[in-house]
Amino acid sequence: MKPYAQLPTDNPEEYKRLVGLSKEDFQHLNGKLCAYIGEQKALSPLTRRGRKDSKLATEDRLLLTLYYLRHYPTLINLGAVFGISESYCHKVYSRTARMLAKIEKLPNRKALLEEGPSATLIIDASEQRIERPVKGQKDFYSGKKKPHG
């Protein structure tokens, strides 16, 4: 995993395998994220204190979050790749994930069921014999069924 500037852009399949989105979808989501951050800064300019710029660019923050959600590495490994500490990596991930949840809403269940094709689901509930251990038979043996052993 590399920061955003070092990602392979010539191979779309490899890009999608690493990030989880196509390059166009990533750029679209990054644009929405930048717009949301700009809106939040404009809404509350007085509450913004401390460090003026993040250690990571917006693309890298989004990439870190998407990579974490897709591959689930440890935060210390992810922080080492991006050159940040484990705690700052968690901070970036949690903030960006919260922002993404506000930006992108999934359609509700009712809308999906109305749009989607109707499907029939068949569940096979036939009983299968399992091997029962010699020790601890009481966990598997029911007094109602006669085959035992």
Protein backbone atom coordinates (compact mmCIF):
# COMPACT_ATOMS: atom_id res chain seq x y z
CA MET A 1 0.00 0.00 0.00
CA LYS A 2 1.31 3.40 -0.98
CA PRO A 3 0.10 6.93 -0.48
CA TYR A 4 -2.22 8.24 -3.18
CA ALA A 5 0.47 9.91 -5.31
CA GLN A 6 2.31 6.58 -5.72
CA LEU A 7 -0.69 4.41 -6.65
CA PRO A 8 -0.60 2.69 -10.04
CA THR A 9 -2.94 4.63 -12.32
CA ASP A 10 -2.23 2.79 -15.56
CA ASN A 11 -3.87 -0.49 -14.50
CA PRO A 12 -7.53 0.02 -13.48
CA GLU A 13 -7.92 -3.55 -12.17
CA GLU A 14 -4.97 -3.22 -9.79
CA TYR A 15 -6.21 0.20 -8.67
CA LYS A 16 -9.64 -1.22 -7.88
CA ARG A 17 -8.13 -4.20 -6.03
CA LEU A 18 -6.06 -1.90 -3.82
CA VAL A 19 -8.58 0.85 -3.15
CA GLY A 20 -11.90 -0.91 -3.60
CA LEU A 21 -13.24 1.75 -5.99
CA SER A 22 -12.52 2.70 -9.56
CA LYS A 23 -10.39 5.79 -10.10
CA GLU A 24 -13.43 7.79 -11.27
CA ASP A 25 -15.47 6.78 -8.20
CA PHE A 26 -12.54 7.63 -5.93
CA GLN A 27 -12.17 11.08 -7.52
CA HIS A 28 -15.93 11.68 -7.22
CA LEU A 29 -15.95 10.67 -3.55
CA ASN A 30 -12.84 12.78 -2.90
CA GLY A 31 -14.56 15.79 -4.46
CA LYS A 32 -17.58 15.29 -2.20
CA LEU A 33 -15.31 14.92 0.83
CA CYS A 34 -13.39 18.13 0.00
CA ALA A 35 -16.68 20.00 -0.47
CA TYR A 36 -17.99 18.71 2.87
CA ILE A 37 -14.79 19.72 4.67
CA GLY A 38 -15.00 23.18 3.09
CA GLU A 39 -18.62 23.55 4.24
CA GLN A 40 -17.72 22.55 7.78
CA LYS A 41 -14.85 25.05 7.89
CA ALA A 42 -17.16 27.81 6.66
CA LEU A 43 -19.84 26.97 9.24
CA SER A 44 -17.58 27.19 12.28
CA PRO A 45 -14.41 29.21 11.63
CA LEU A 46 -13.86 30.08 15.30
CA THR A 47 -13.77 26.51 16.57
CA ARG A 48 -10.88 25.62 14.29
CA ARG A 49 -7.73 25.77 16.39
CA GLY A 50 -4.39 24.04 16.56
CA ARG A 51 -2.72 22.65 13.48
CA LYS A 52 -3.81 24.51 10.38
CA ASP A 53 -3.29 21.68 7.91
CA SER A 54 -3.55 17.95 8.35
CA LYS A 55 -0.40 15.86 8.03
CA LEU A 56 -2.16 13.98 5.23
CA ALA A 57 -3.80 15.31 2.10
CA THR A 58 -7.51 14.65 1.63
CA GLU A 59 -6.78 11.97 -0.96
CA ASP A 60 -4.49 10.16 1.48
CA ARG A 61 -7.07 10.38 4.28
CA LEU A 62 -9.73 8.91 2.01
CA LEU A 63 -7.33 6.24 0.75
CA LEU A 64 -6.35 5.31 4.32
CA THR A 65 -10.01 4.93 5.30
CA LEU A 66 -11.04 2.92 2.24
CA TYR A 67 -7.98 0.68 2.49
CA TYR A 68 -8.66 0.04 6.17
CA LEU A 69 -12.30 -0.84 5.49
CA ARG A 70 -11.40 -3.13 2.59
CA HIS A 71 -8.34 -4.99 3.91
CA TYR A 72 -8.53 -4.38 7.69
CA PRO A 73 -4.79 -4.13 8.46
CA THR A 74 -3.54 -3.14 11.90
CA LEU A 75 -3.38 0.59 12.47
CA ILE A 76 0.31 0.48 13.30
CA ASN A 77 1.05 -1.09 9.89
CA LEU A 78 -1.17 1.39 8.11
CA GLY A 79 0.44 4.25 9.99
CA ALA A 80 3.90 3.04 9.00
CA VAL A 81 2.90 3.05 5.33
CA PHE A 82 1.58 6.61 5.51
CA GLY A 83 4.34 7.84 7.82
CA ILE A 84 2.10 8.66 10.79
CA SER A 85 1.66 7.27 14.29
CA GLU A 86 -0.85 4.59 15.23
CA SER A 87 -2.97 7.00 17.27
CA TYR A 88 -3.05 9.60 14.49
CA CYS A 89 -3.94 6.85 12.02
CA HIS A 90 -6.95 5.93 14.18
CA LYS A 91 -7.90 9.59 14.46
CA VAL A 92 -7.77 10.06 10.67
CA TYR A 93 -9.73 6.86 10.05
CA SER A 94 -12.48 7.60 12.55
CA ARG A 95 -12.97 11.21 11.43
CA THR A 96 -12.98 10.36 7.75
CA ALA A 97 -15.33 7.41 8.25
CA ARG A 98 -17.78 9.68 10.12
CA MET A 99 -17.60 12.24 7.31
CA LEU A 100 -18.17 9.56 4.68
CA ALA A 101 -21.22 8.31 6.58
CA LYS A 102 -22.68 11.82 6.45
CA ILE A 103 -21.81 12.35 2.78
CA GLU A 104 -22.87 9.03 1.26
CA LYS A 105 -26.17 7.55 2.36
CA LEU A 106 -27.19 4.07 1.34
CA PRO A 107 -30.77 3.65 0.12
CA ASN A 108 -33.13 2.37 2.77
CA ARG A 109 -34.33 -1.21 2.77
CA LYS A 110 -37.84 -0.43 1.57
CA ALA A 111 -36.58 1.36 -1.55
CA LEU A 112 -34.22 -1.50 -2.37
CA LEU A 113 -36.99 -4.07 -2.05
CA GLU A 114 -39.32 -2.05 -4.29
CA GLU A 115 -36.70 -1.58 -7.01
CA GLY A 116 -35.04 -4.97 -6.94
CA PRO A 117 -36.31 -8.08 -8.67
CA SER A 118 -38.38 -10.47 -6.64
CA ALA A 119 -36.55 -13.63 -5.71
CA THR A 120 -37.52 -16.89 -4.10
CA LEU A 121 -35.30 -18.28 -1.41
CA ILE A 122 -35.20 -21.99 -0.65
CA ILE A 123 -33.58 -23.16 2.55
CA ASP A 124 -32.43 -26.76 2.86
CA ALA A 125 -33.15 -27.74 6.45
CA SER A 126 -32.57 -31.48 6.21
CA GLU A 127 -30.63 -32.99 9.06
CA GLN A 128 -27.09 -34.14 8.50
CA ARG A 129 -25.35 -36.68 10.68
CA ILE A 130 -22.29 -35.34 12.45
CA GLU A 131 -19.48 -37.19 14.09
CA ARG A 132 -19.88 -37.08 17.82
CA PRO A 133 -16.90 -37.22 20.15
CA VAL A 134 -16.56 -40.09 22.60
CA LYS A 135 -15.90 -37.65 25.41
CA GLY A 136 -18.54 -35.02 25.98
CA GLN A 137 -21.37 -36.97 24.33
CA LYS A 138 -23.98 -35.21 26.42
CA ASP A 139 -23.41 -32.02 24.42
CA PHE A 140 -24.47 -33.78 21.22
CA TYR A 141 -26.84 -36.53 22.36
CA SER A 142 -30.53 -35.87 22.51
CA GLY A 143 -32.64 -38.43 24.35
CA LYS A 144 -35.33 -38.06 21.68
CA LYS A 145 -33.36 -39.49 18.78
CA LYS A 146 -32.31 -43.11 19.03
CA PRO A 147 -29.22 -43.37 16.76
CA HIS A 148 -26.32 -42.78 19.11
CA GLY A 149 -22.66 -43.14 18.51
